[in-house]
Structures are given as C-alpha cells and as structure tokens.
Amino acid sequence: MLQQKSKPLEIDAKYQTRVKTEDKVVKINAEGLHFKELNGILRQVITTDVERIELHNVCGQRYLGTDLDTTIQIDIYGTPGNDLGAFMSGPKLVIHGNAQDASGNTMNEGQIIIHGHAGDLTGHSMRGGKIFVKDYVGYRVGIHMKEYQRKVPTIVIGETAGDFLAEYMAGGVILILGLNLKEGEKCVARFVGTGMHGGVIYERGEILEPENGTKTLPVGKRDMRVIEGLVKEYCSHFGADHKTILSGKFKKILPLSKRPYEKLYSH
C-alpha cells in the first residue's frame, strides 16, 4: 500500500532551519546529520502533501530511501552511503553524483538514477525496479538478481563493471554499454556470470569474457526491442544520443543451465 500524503509538515524544532518548502518541493540540508536523523526527517516529509524532495549536502549517510513505499521523487545532491534505496517499493531516486555500495539492495520497485558511478554490490538481490548508472560500477553488481512474479529487475550500466558481474544471477536484465571503451578494448571484469542460472546480460559489442557455464548468442528482434527501450531511457536520463549507441552491435549472455552446480552436489 502506498503511504497517504495528507498530514501537515511538522518537523522537530532542532531541524526546522534545515527544511524549506517551495511550491510542494521540500529541500533538506543534510550537512552533518547522522543517517538516522536524516532518514527520520525524510520519513516525516513523505507523509505530507509534497511532490518532490531534495536532499542537499549529502555525504555518506546510509539507507536513504530504504523501505519507502511511495512514488515520490527524491533528488540527492552529494554522495549517499551504502544501501541506498534498499528494500524500497516505488520511489524515484535521482543521485546527482556518485553512489557507494549496495544501491538497490533487494529493491522491489521504483528507479535509482545515478549521474556518476556506483560502488560494489549495486542491485544485490533486487527483484524489481530499474537502476541506471551513467558511468561505471564496482564488483559483484547484480549478484543474486531474481525476478519476482511479473517484476523484472533491470540494471543499465553506461560504461563498464568490476569482477563477478551477475554472479549467481537468477533473473532480470543487465545491459552494459561500454561507452568508455575505445575500439577493440574489452571490459577487464573477471568471472562474469559465475553461477548464473537465469536472466540475461546484454553487451554492446564483444566487451565481456563470461565464465564457463554461460553461452553468448546473437540478439533477436525481441531482444532489440528490450535493448532499444532501455537505451532510450538511459539517454533520457543522461543526455546521450540513443541512435549512436544503438548503432553498435549487441550480443546476449545466457546461462547454460538452471542448476549450474547440480553435478557438484549430487551423486
């Protein structure tokens, strides 16, 4: 259930100078606030009749947007800490900068849009929603991603990724564009798709070296419809030219088996 926005905005006296409202946009100065204080203010604000929230001077505060069940947009200026948007169901988080580790951890619905790079474990166990990262991501991105009911978790990476991309991936879509690579260069990520048993990785060109237990195939018309839609979304967020990106060749990486370790543990 979405949270009802009907209460008047009431902020504790010691935080009132940090909160300003302009035309249903609430601006919060996060400088020096402990993450519990900042999240407390944020939870108070989302229960009111506001259309958008801006968090300014964010510097490492964790759990921003965690477990929120609402469709509000939250713009974050600075660098949020670990577990940004964990378990969240619905918000649109726009990060005007970089993000630390585990953004979208077990995310259920909504969007996280990062105008920079993201750390390790981005999209860990996410089961719905979309994450767009303008630049590169760290290690173990998309680990344990899985589809839940009709939800298809999706991660779009503008540049490249670190080791163990899509480790134990069970469902969903990862699209990696490699926009920072020169002609003939490849992503240096090792162990791509280790233990992968569901979902699909799309790559632009031949930029990944997937592990044994996966297969690389040409994309079909249905794949290209998915890729085209995601590339256009990426470009709408970050201002790139979708025609230029789509002019490249795409391939897909799939698992060979839904039970990659069956022979290891069965006798």
C-alpha atoms as a PDB file:
ATOM      1  CA  MET A   1       0.000   0.000   0.000  1.00  0.00           C
ATOM      2  CA  LEU A   2       1.243   3.495  -0.834  1.00  0.00           C
ATOM      3  CA  GLN A   3       1.621   5.874   2.048  1.00  0.00           C
ATOM      4  CA  GLN A   4      -1.099   8.530   2.271  1.00  0.00           C
ATOM      5  CA  LYS A   5       0.155  12.117   1.952  1.00  0.00           C
ATOM      6  CA  SER A   6      -2.240  14.232   3.952  1.00  0.00           C
ATOM      7  CA  LYS A   7      -0.524  15.368   7.149  1.00  0.00           C
ATOM      8  CA  PRO A   8       0.809  18.914   7.587  1.00  0.00           C
ATOM      9  CA  LEU A   9       4.578  19.160   7.666  1.00  0.00           C
ATOM     10  CA  GLU A  10       5.738  19.102  11.273  1.00  0.00           C
ATOM     11  CA  ILE A  11       9.473  18.978  11.911  1.00  0.00           C
ATOM     12  CA  ASP A  12      11.225  18.831  15.275  1.00  0.00           C
ATOM     13  CA  ALA A  13      12.318  22.301  16.341  1.00  0.00           C
ATOM     14  CA  LYS A  14      16.042  21.476  16.172  1.00  0.00           C
ATOM     15  CA  TYR A  15      15.697  20.567  12.466  1.00  0.00           C
ATOM     16  CA  GLN A  16      13.372  23.338  11.303  1.00  0.00           C
ATOM     17  CA  THR A  17      16.157  25.537   9.943  1.00  0.00           C
ATOM     18  CA  ARG A  18      17.274  22.628   7.744  1.00  0.00           C
ATOM     19  CA  VAL A  19      13.935  22.193   5.983  1.00  0.00           C
ATOM     20  CA  LYS A  20      12.441  24.608   3.431  1.00  0.00           C
ATOM     21  CA  THR A  21       9.320  24.219   1.307  1.00  0.00           C
ATOM     22  CA  GLU A  22       8.893  25.842  -2.102  1.00  0.00           C
ATOM     23  CA  ASP A  23       5.834  25.001  -4.244  1.00  0.00           C
ATOM     24  CA  LYS A  24       5.429  21.482  -2.832  1.00  0.00           C
ATOM     25  CA  VAL A  25       9.166  20.832  -3.124  1.00  0.00           C
ATOM     26  CA  VAL A  26      10.830  20.193   0.236  1.00  0.00           C
ATOM     27  CA  LYS A  27      14.556  20.957   0.469  1.00  0.00           C
ATOM     28  CA  ILE A  28      16.560  19.410   3.293  1.00  0.00           C
ATOM     29  CA  ASN A  29      20.105  20.392   4.266  1.00  0.00           C
ATOM     30  CA  ALA A  30      21.774  17.106   5.250  1.00  0.00           C
ATOM     31  CA  GLU A  31      25.156  18.580   6.186  1.00  0.00           C
ATOM     32  CA  GLY A  32      26.492  16.960   9.347  1.00  0.00           C
ATOM     33  CA  LEU A  33      23.330  14.968  10.062  1.00  0.00           C
ATOM     34  CA  HIS A  34      23.619  11.378  11.277  1.00  0.00           C
ATOM     35  CA  PHE A  35      21.923   8.981   8.885  1.00  0.00           C
ATOM     36  CA  LYS A  36      19.241   8.152  11.469  1.00  0.00           C
ATOM     37  CA  GLU A  37      18.376  11.834  11.854  1.00  0.00           C
ATOM     38  CA  LEU A  38      18.253  12.408   8.106  1.00  0.00           C
ATOM     39  CA  ASN A  39      16.108   9.345   7.495  1.00  0.00           C
ATOM     40  CA  GLY A  40      13.813  10.394  10.326  1.00  0.00           C
ATOM     41  CA  ILE A  41      13.219  13.771   8.689  1.00  0.00           C
ATOM     42  CA  LEU A  42      12.744  12.108   5.314  1.00  0.00           C
ATOM     43  CA  ARG A  43      10.083   9.766   6.673  1.00  0.00           C
ATOM     44  CA  GLN A  44       8.230  12.694   8.229  1.00  0.00           C
ATOM     45  CA  VAL A  45       8.248  14.613   4.953  1.00  0.00           C
ATOM     46  CA  ILE A  46       6.964  11.805   2.708  1.00  0.00           C
ATOM     47  CA  THR A  47       3.752  11.533   4.735  1.00  0.00           C
ATOM     48  CA  THR A  48       2.822  15.105   3.734  1.00  0.00           C
ATOM     49  CA  ASP A  49       1.408  16.584   0.548  1.00  0.00           C
ATOM     50  CA  VAL A  50       4.718  17.189  -1.261  1.00  0.00           C
ATOM     51  CA  GLU A  51       5.600  16.358  -4.847  1.00  0.00           C
ATOM     52  CA  ARG A  52       9.380  16.173  -4.665  1.00  0.00           C
ATOM     53  CA  ILE A  53      12.152  16.168  -2.077  1.00  0.00           C
ATOM     54  CA  GLU A  54      15.695  17.492  -2.470  1.00  0.00           C
ATOM     55  CA  LEU A  55      18.456  16.360  -0.135  1.00  0.00           C
ATOM     56  CA  HIS A  56      21.445  18.709  -0.261  1.00  0.00           C
ATOM     57  CA  ASN A  57      24.991  18.278   1.115  1.00  0.00           C
ATOM     58  CA  VAL A  58      24.627  14.517   1.462  1.00  0.00           C
ATOM     59  CA  CYS A  59      27.932  12.908   2.468  1.00  0.00           C
ATOM     60  CA  GLY A  60      27.878   9.182   3.168  1.00  0.00           C
ATOM     61  CA  GLN A  61      24.549   8.927   5.010  1.00  0.00           C
ATOM     62  CA  ARG A  62      23.322   5.348   4.693  1.00  0.00           C
ATOM     63  CA  TYR A  63      19.946   3.786   3.986  1.00  0.00           C
ATOM     64  CA  LEU A  64      18.446   6.798   2.188  1.00  0.00           C
ATOM     65  CA  GLY A  65      15.139   5.731   0.661  1.00  0.00           C
ATOM     66  CA  THR A  66      15.268   2.360   2.377  1.00  0.00           C
ATOM     67  CA  ASP A  67      11.932   0.560   2.631  1.00  0.00           C
ATOM     68  CA  LEU A  68       9.949   3.561   1.365  1.00  0.00           C
ATOM     69  CA  ASP A  69       6.567   2.633  -0.123  1.00  0.00           C
ATOM     70  CA  THR A  70       5.609   5.703  -2.147  1.00  0.00           C
ATOM     71  CA  THR A  71       6.031   7.099  -5.667  1.00  0.00           C
ATOM     72  CA  ILE A  72       7.685  10.385  -4.706  1.00  0.00           C
ATOM     73  CA  GLN A  73      10.847  11.640  -6.435  1.00  0.00           C
ATOM     74  CA  ILE A  74      13.861  12.297  -4.212  1.00  0.00           C
ATOM     75  CA  ASP A  75      16.817  14.225  -5.672  1.00  0.00           C
ATOM     76  CA  ILE A  76      20.071  13.643  -3.802  1.00  0.00           C
ATOM     77  CA  TYR A  77      22.959  16.095  -4.165  1.00  0.00           C
ATOM     78  CA  GLY A  78      26.254  14.703  -2.923  1.00  0.00           C
ATOM     79  CA  THR A  79      27.330  11.122  -2.283  1.00  0.00           C
ATOM     80  CA  PRO A  80      24.857   8.856  -0.471  1.00  0.00           C
ATOM     81  CA  GLY A  81      26.192   5.968   1.612  1.00  0.00           C
ATOM     82  CA  ASN A  82      25.620   2.222   1.478  1.00  0.00           C
ATOM     83  CA  ASP A  83      22.250   0.572   0.901  1.00  0.00           C
ATOM     84  CA  LEU A  84      20.684   3.476  -0.951  1.00  0.00           C
ATOM     85  CA  GLY A  85      17.098   2.515  -1.775  1.00  0.00           C
ATOM     86  CA  ALA A  86      17.325  -0.896  -0.130  1.00  0.00           C
ATOM     87  CA  PHE A  87      14.004  -2.777   0.006  1.00  0.00           C
ATOM     88  CA  MET A  88      12.215   0.234  -1.475  1.00  0.00           C
ATOM     89  CA  SER A  89       8.912  -0.047  -3.354  1.00  0.00           C
ATOM     90  CA  GLY A  90       8.211   2.802  -5.716  1.00  0.00           C
ATOM     91  CA  PRO A  91      10.277   5.987  -5.218  1.00  0.00           C
ATOM     92  CA  LYS A  92      12.394   7.561  -7.921  1.00  0.00           C
ATOM     93  CA  LEU A  93      15.820   8.386  -6.503  1.00  0.00           C
ATOM     94  CA  VAL A  94      17.961  10.691  -8.637  1.00  0.00           C
ATOM     95  CA  ILE A  95      21.563  10.949  -7.443  1.00  0.00           C
ATOM     96  CA  HIS A  96      23.441  13.991  -8.762  1.00  0.00           C
ATOM     97  CA  GLY A  97      26.848  12.475  -8.128  1.00  0.00           C
ATOM     98  CA  ASN A  98      28.260   9.056  -7.246  1.00  0.00           C
ATOM     99  CA  ALA A  99      26.823   6.335  -5.006  1.00  0.00           C
ATOM    100  CA  GLN A 100      28.551   3.970  -2.586  1.00  0.00           C
ATOM    101  CA  ASP A 101      27.983   0.214  -2.217  1.00  0.00           C
ATOM    102  CA  ALA A 102      24.789  -1.856  -2.375  1.00  0.00           C
ATOM    103  CA  SER A 103      22.494   0.680  -4.034  1.00  0.00           C
ATOM    104  CA  GLY A 104      19.142  -1.019  -4.683  1.00  0.00           C
ATOM    105  CA  ASN A 105      19.840  -3.902  -2.300  1.00  0.00           C
ATOM    106  CA  THR A 106      16.776  -6.201  -2.506  1.00  0.00           C
ATOM    107  CA  MET A 107      14.903  -3.398  -4.251  1.00  0.00           C
ATOM    108  CA  ASN A 108      11.270  -4.223  -5.023  1.00  0.00           C
ATOM    109  CA  GLU A 109      10.020  -1.381  -7.253  1.00  0.00           C
ATOM    110  CA  GLY A 110      10.982   2.122  -8.366  1.00  0.00           C
ATOM    111  CA  GLN A 111      14.022   3.669 -10.021  1.00  0.00           C
ATOM    112  CA  ILE A 112      17.534   4.682  -8.971  1.00  0.00           C
ATOM    113  CA  ILE A 113      19.263   7.026 -11.433  1.00  0.00           C
ATOM    114  CA  ILE A 114      22.932   7.731 -10.708  1.00  0.00           C
ATOM    115  CA  HIS A 115      24.641  10.610 -12.549  1.00  0.00           C
ATOM    116  CA  GLY A 116      28.100   9.234 -11.854  1.00  0.00           C
ATOM    117  CA  HIS A 117      29.469   5.839 -10.865  1.00  0.00           C
ATOM    118  CA  ALA A 118      28.224   3.292  -8.336  1.00  0.00           C
ATOM    119  CA  GLY A 119      30.095   1.013  -5.946  1.00  0.00           C
ATOM    120  CA  ASP A 120      30.163  -2.719  -5.319  1.00  0.00           C
ATOM    121  CA  LEU A 121      27.026  -4.847  -4.956  1.00  0.00           C
ATOM    122  CA  THR A 122      24.798  -2.470  -6.875  1.00  0.00           C
ATOM    123  CA  GLY A 123      21.449  -4.234  -7.342  1.00  0.00           C
ATOM    124  CA  HIS A 124      22.280  -7.003  -4.868  1.00  0.00           C
ATOM    125  CA  SER A 125      19.304  -9.424  -4.859  1.00  0.00           C
ATOM    126  CA  MET A 126      16.999  -6.849  -6.449  1.00  0.00           C
ATOM    127  CA  ARG A 127      13.680  -8.339  -7.525  1.00  0.00           C
ATOM    128  CA  GLY A 128      12.073  -5.413  -9.330  1.00  0.00           C
ATOM    129  CA  GLY A 129      12.593  -1.842 -10.472  1.00  0.00           C
ATOM    130  CA  LYS A 130      15.357  -0.258 -12.542  1.00  0.00           C
ATOM    131  CA  ILE A 131      18.827   1.121 -11.830  1.00  0.00           C
ATOM    132  CA  PHE A 132      20.571   3.386 -14.355  1.00  0.00           C
ATOM    133  CA  VAL A 133      24.251   4.245 -13.828  1.00  0.00           C
ATOM    134  CA  LYS A 134      25.788   6.840 -16.132  1.00  0.00           C
ATOM    135  CA  ASP A 135      29.383   5.719 -15.672  1.00  0.00           C
ATOM    136  CA  TYR A 136      30.958   2.527 -14.266  1.00  0.00           C
ATOM    137  CA  VAL A 137      30.097   0.189 -11.408  1.00  0.00           C
ATOM    138  CA  GLY A 138      32.139  -1.844  -8.931  1.00  0.00           C
ATOM    139  CA  TYR A 139      32.361  -5.537  -8.107  1.00  0.00           C
ATOM    140  CA  ARG A 140      29.570  -8.109  -7.805  1.00  0.00           C
ATOM    141  CA  VAL A 141      26.931  -5.964  -9.455  1.00  0.00           C
ATOM    142  CA  GLY A 142      23.622  -7.769  -9.988  1.00  0.00           C
ATOM    143  CA  ILE A 143      24.584 -10.633  -7.685  1.00  0.00           C
ATOM    144  CA  HIS A 144      21.564 -12.842  -6.898  1.00  0.00           C
ATOM    145  CA  MET A 145      19.221 -10.707  -9.023  1.00  0.00           C
ATOM    146  CA  LYS A 146      15.921 -12.532  -9.417  1.00  0.00           C
ATOM    147  CA  GLU A 147      12.525 -11.985 -10.990  1.00  0.00           C
ATOM    148  CA  TYR A 148       9.556 -11.896  -8.639  1.00  0.00           C
ATOM    149  CA  GLN A 149       6.086 -12.581 -10.029  1.00  0.00           C
ATOM    150  CA  ARG A 150       5.795 -10.200 -13.013  1.00  0.00           C
ATOM    151  CA  LYS A 151       8.641  -7.959 -11.909  1.00  0.00           C
ATOM    152  CA  VAL A 152      11.829  -7.931 -13.961  1.00  0.00           C
ATOM    153  CA  PRO A 153      14.738  -6.195 -12.196  1.00  0.00           C
ATOM    154  CA  THR A 154      16.921  -4.210 -14.588  1.00  0.00           C
ATOM    155  CA  ILE A 155      20.369  -2.599 -14.369  1.00  0.00           C
ATOM    156  CA  VAL A 156      21.770  -0.402 -17.160  1.00  0.00           C
ATOM    157  CA  ILE A 157      25.473   0.473 -16.957  1.00  0.00           C
ATOM    158  CA  GLY A 158      26.837   3.189 -19.223  1.00  0.00           C
ATOM    159  CA  GLU A 159      30.497   2.215 -19.010  1.00  0.00           C
ATOM    160  CA  THR A 160      31.986  -0.972 -17.539  1.00  0.00           C
ATOM    161  CA  ALA A 161      31.849  -3.174 -14.441  1.00  0.00           C
ATOM    162  CA  GLY A 162      34.178  -4.890 -11.986  1.00  0.00           C
ATOM    163  CA  ASP A 163      34.667  -8.605 -11.317  1.00  0.00           C
ATOM    164  CA  PHE A 164      31.819 -11.048 -10.678  1.00  0.00           C
ATOM    165  CA  LEU A 165      29.215  -9.131 -12.679  1.00  0.00           C
ATOM    166  CA  ALA A 166      25.896 -11.065 -12.495  1.00  0.00           C
ATOM    167  CA  GLU A 167      27.276 -13.656 -10.072  1.00  0.00           C
ATOM    168  CA  TYR A 168      24.550 -16.224  -9.253  1.00  0.00           C
ATOM    169  CA  MET A 169      22.101 -14.192 -11.326  1.00  0.00           C
ATOM    170  CA  ALA A 170      18.688 -15.901 -11.285  1.00  0.00           C
ATOM    171  CA  GLY A 171      16.570 -13.462 -13.296  1.00  0.00           C
ATOM    172  CA  GLY A 172      16.263  -9.974 -14.692  1.00  0.00           C
ATOM    173  CA  VAL A 173      18.211  -7.928 -17.226  1.00  0.00           C
ATOM    174  CA  ILE A 174      21.666  -6.347 -17.137  1.00  0.00           C
ATOM    175  CA  LEU A 175      22.670  -4.093 -20.039  1.00  0.00           C
ATOM    176  CA  ILE A 176      26.302  -2.972 -20.180  1.00  0.00           C
ATOM    177  CA  LEU A 177      27.169  -0.409 -22.846  1.00  0.00           C
ATOM    178  CA  GLY A 178      30.946   0.073 -22.516  1.00  0.00           C
ATOM    179  CA  LEU A 179      30.747   3.704 -23.611  1.00  0.00           C
ATOM    180  CA  ASN A 180      34.182   4.458 -22.123  1.00  0.00           C
ATOM    181  CA  LEU A 181      35.956   1.796 -24.164  1.00  0.00           C
ATOM    182  CA  LYS A 182      37.946   2.515 -27.284  1.00  0.00           C
ATOM    183  CA  GLU A 183      37.549   0.376 -30.386  1.00  0.00           C
ATOM    184  CA  GLY A 184      38.909  -3.107 -29.720  1.00  0.00           C
ATOM    185  CA  GLU A 185      39.052  -2.673 -25.925  1.00  0.00           C
ATOM    186  CA  LYS A 186      37.237  -5.010 -23.555  1.00  0.00           C
ATOM    187  CA  CYS A 187      35.952  -4.734 -20.025  1.00  0.00           C
ATOM    188  CA  VAL A 188      38.576  -6.137 -17.636  1.00  0.00           C
ATOM    189  CA  ALA A 189      35.939  -7.752 -15.382  1.00  0.00           C
ATOM    190  CA  ARG A 190      36.692 -11.364 -14.478  1.00  0.00           C
ATOM    191  CA  PHE A 191      34.264 -14.148 -13.529  1.00  0.00           C
ATOM    192  CA  VAL A 192      31.301 -12.611 -15.390  1.00  0.00           C
ATOM    193  CA  GLY A 193      28.188 -14.742 -14.873  1.00  0.00           C
ATOM    194  CA  THR A 194      29.748 -17.125 -12.348  1.00  0.00           C
ATOM    195  CA  GLY A 195      26.955 -19.426 -11.163  1.00  0.00           C
ATOM    196  CA  MET A 196      24.445 -17.623 -13.380  1.00  0.00           C
ATOM    197  CA  HIS A 197      21.239 -19.670 -13.696  1.00  0.00           C
ATOM    198  CA  GLY A 198      18.643 -17.208 -15.016  1.00  0.00           C
ATOM    199  CA  GLY A 199      18.152 -13.804 -16.583  1.00  0.00           C
ATOM    200  CA  VAL A 200      20.130 -12.248 -19.403  1.00  0.00           C
ATOM    201  CA  ILE A 201      23.147  -9.970 -19.819  1.00  0.00           C
ATOM    202  CA  TYR A 202      23.195  -7.754 -22.900  1.00  0.00           C
ATOM    203  CA  GLU A 203      26.526  -6.349 -24.042  1.00  0.00           C
ATOM    204  CA  ARG A 204      27.282  -3.725 -26.657  1.00  0.00           C
ATOM    205  CA  GLY A 205      29.945  -5.270 -28.845  1.00  0.00           C
ATOM    206  CA  GLU A 206      32.221  -8.025 -27.521  1.00  0.00           C
ATOM    207  CA  ILE A 207      33.310  -6.392 -24.285  1.00  0.00           C
ATOM    208  CA  LEU A 208      32.825  -9.191 -21.739  1.00  0.00           C
ATOM    209  CA  GLU A 209      34.576 -12.526 -21.154  1.00  0.00           C
ATOM    210  CA  PRO A 210      31.899 -14.647 -19.457  1.00  0.00           C
ATOM    211  CA  GLU A 211      32.695 -17.700 -17.358  1.00  0.00           C
ATOM    212  CA  ASN A 212      32.121 -21.324 -18.313  1.00  0.00           C
ATOM    213  CA  GLY A 213      28.501 -22.209 -17.699  1.00  0.00           C
ATOM    214  CA  THR A 214      27.233 -19.428 -19.941  1.00  0.00           C
ATOM    215  CA  LYS A 215      26.734 -19.041 -23.671  1.00  0.00           C
ATOM    216  CA  THR A 216      26.990 -15.948 -25.875  1.00  0.00           C
ATOM    217  CA  LEU A 217      24.433 -15.590 -28.643  1.00  0.00           C
ATOM    218  CA  PRO A 218      23.300 -13.011 -31.208  1.00  0.00           C
ATOM    219  CA  VAL A 219      20.321 -10.897 -30.167  1.00  0.00           C
ATOM    220  CA  GLY A 220      16.927 -11.298 -31.828  1.00  0.00           C
ATOM    221  CA  LYS A 221      14.155  -8.839 -32.599  1.00  0.00           C
ATOM    222  CA  ARG A 222      12.560  -9.245 -29.175  1.00  0.00           C
ATOM    223  CA  ASP A 223      15.935  -8.623 -27.513  1.00  0.00           C
ATOM    224  CA  MET A 224      16.468  -5.489 -29.583  1.00  0.00           C
ATOM    225  CA  ARG A 225      13.104  -4.111 -28.521  1.00  0.00           C
ATOM    226  CA  VAL A 226      14.167  -4.500 -24.901  1.00  0.00           C
ATOM    227  CA  ILE A 227      17.616  -3.012 -25.583  1.00  0.00           C
ATOM    228  CA  GLU A 228      16.220  -0.085 -27.584  1.00  0.00           C
ATOM    229  CA  GLY A 229      13.780   0.809 -24.831  1.00  0.00           C
ATOM    230  CA  LEU A 230      16.454   0.714 -22.145  1.00  0.00           C
ATOM    231  CA  VAL A 231      18.955   2.706 -24.219  1.00  0.00           C
ATOM    232  CA  LYS A 232      16.353   5.403 -24.830  1.00  0.00           C
ATOM    233  CA  GLU A 233      15.617   5.529 -21.100  1.00  0.00           C
ATOM    234  CA  TYR A 234      19.332   5.780 -20.345  1.00  0.00           C
ATOM    235  CA  CYS A 235      19.700   8.648 -22.820  1.00  0.00           C
ATOM    236  CA  SER A 236      16.650  10.458 -21.448  1.00  0.00           C
ATOM    237  CA  HIS A 237      18.308  10.485 -18.019  1.00  0.00           C
ATOM    238  CA  PHE A 238      21.849  11.374 -19.057  1.00  0.00           C
ATOM    239  CA  GLY A 239      21.536  13.231 -22.343  1.00  0.00           C
ATOM    240  CA  ALA A 240      23.364  10.801 -24.639  1.00  0.00           C
ATOM    241  CA  ASP A 241      22.377  10.073 -28.240  1.00  0.00           C
ATOM    242  CA  HIS A 242      20.426   6.822 -28.430  1.00  0.00           C
ATOM    243  CA  LYS A 243      20.958   6.441 -32.203  1.00  0.00           C
ATOM    244  CA  THR A 244      24.727   6.460 -31.777  1.00  0.00           C
ATOM    245  CA  ILE A 245      24.590   3.860 -29.010  1.00  0.00           C
ATOM    246  CA  LEU A 246      22.141   1.644 -30.893  1.00  0.00           C
ATOM    247  CA  SER A 247      24.355   1.710 -33.991  1.00  0.00           C
ATOM    248  CA  GLY A 248      26.674  -0.712 -32.196  1.00  0.00           C
ATOM    249  CA  LYS A 249      26.243  -4.473 -32.317  1.00  0.00           C
ATOM    250  CA  PHE A 250      24.716  -6.242 -29.323  1.00  0.00           C
ATOM    251  CA  LYS A 251      25.034  -9.771 -28.001  1.00  0.00           C
ATOM    252  CA  LYS A 252      23.434 -11.618 -25.121  1.00  0.00           C
ATOM    253  CA  ILE A 253      24.851 -13.895 -22.461  1.00  0.00           C
ATOM    254  CA  LEU A 254      22.639 -16.652 -21.079  1.00  0.00           C
ATOM    255  CA  PRO A 255      23.225 -19.463 -18.575  1.00  0.00           C
ATOM    256  CA  LEU A 256      23.686 -22.981 -19.889  1.00  0.00           C
ATOM    257  CA  SER A 257      21.731 -24.474 -17.014  1.00  0.00           C
ATOM    258  CA  LYS A 258      19.232 -23.536 -14.324  1.00  0.00           C
ATOM    259  CA  ARG A 259      21.229 -25.765 -11.955  1.00  0.00           C
ATOM    260  CA  PRO A 260      24.907 -24.977 -12.628  1.00  0.00           C
ATOM    261  CA  TYR A 261      26.170 -26.821  -9.535  1.00  0.00           C
ATOM    262  CA  GLU A 262      23.967 -29.900  -9.833  1.00  0.00           C
ATOM    263  CA  LYS A 263      26.880 -32.264 -10.567  1.00  0.00           C
ATOM    264  CA  LEU A 264      28.943 -30.788  -7.737  1.00  0.00           C
ATOM    265  CA  TYR A 265      26.429 -31.624  -5.025  1.00  0.00           C
ATOM    266  CA  SER A 266      24.599 -34.674  -6.449  1.00  0.00           C
ATOM    267  CA  HIS A 267      25.959 -38.201  -6.538  1.00  0.00           C
END
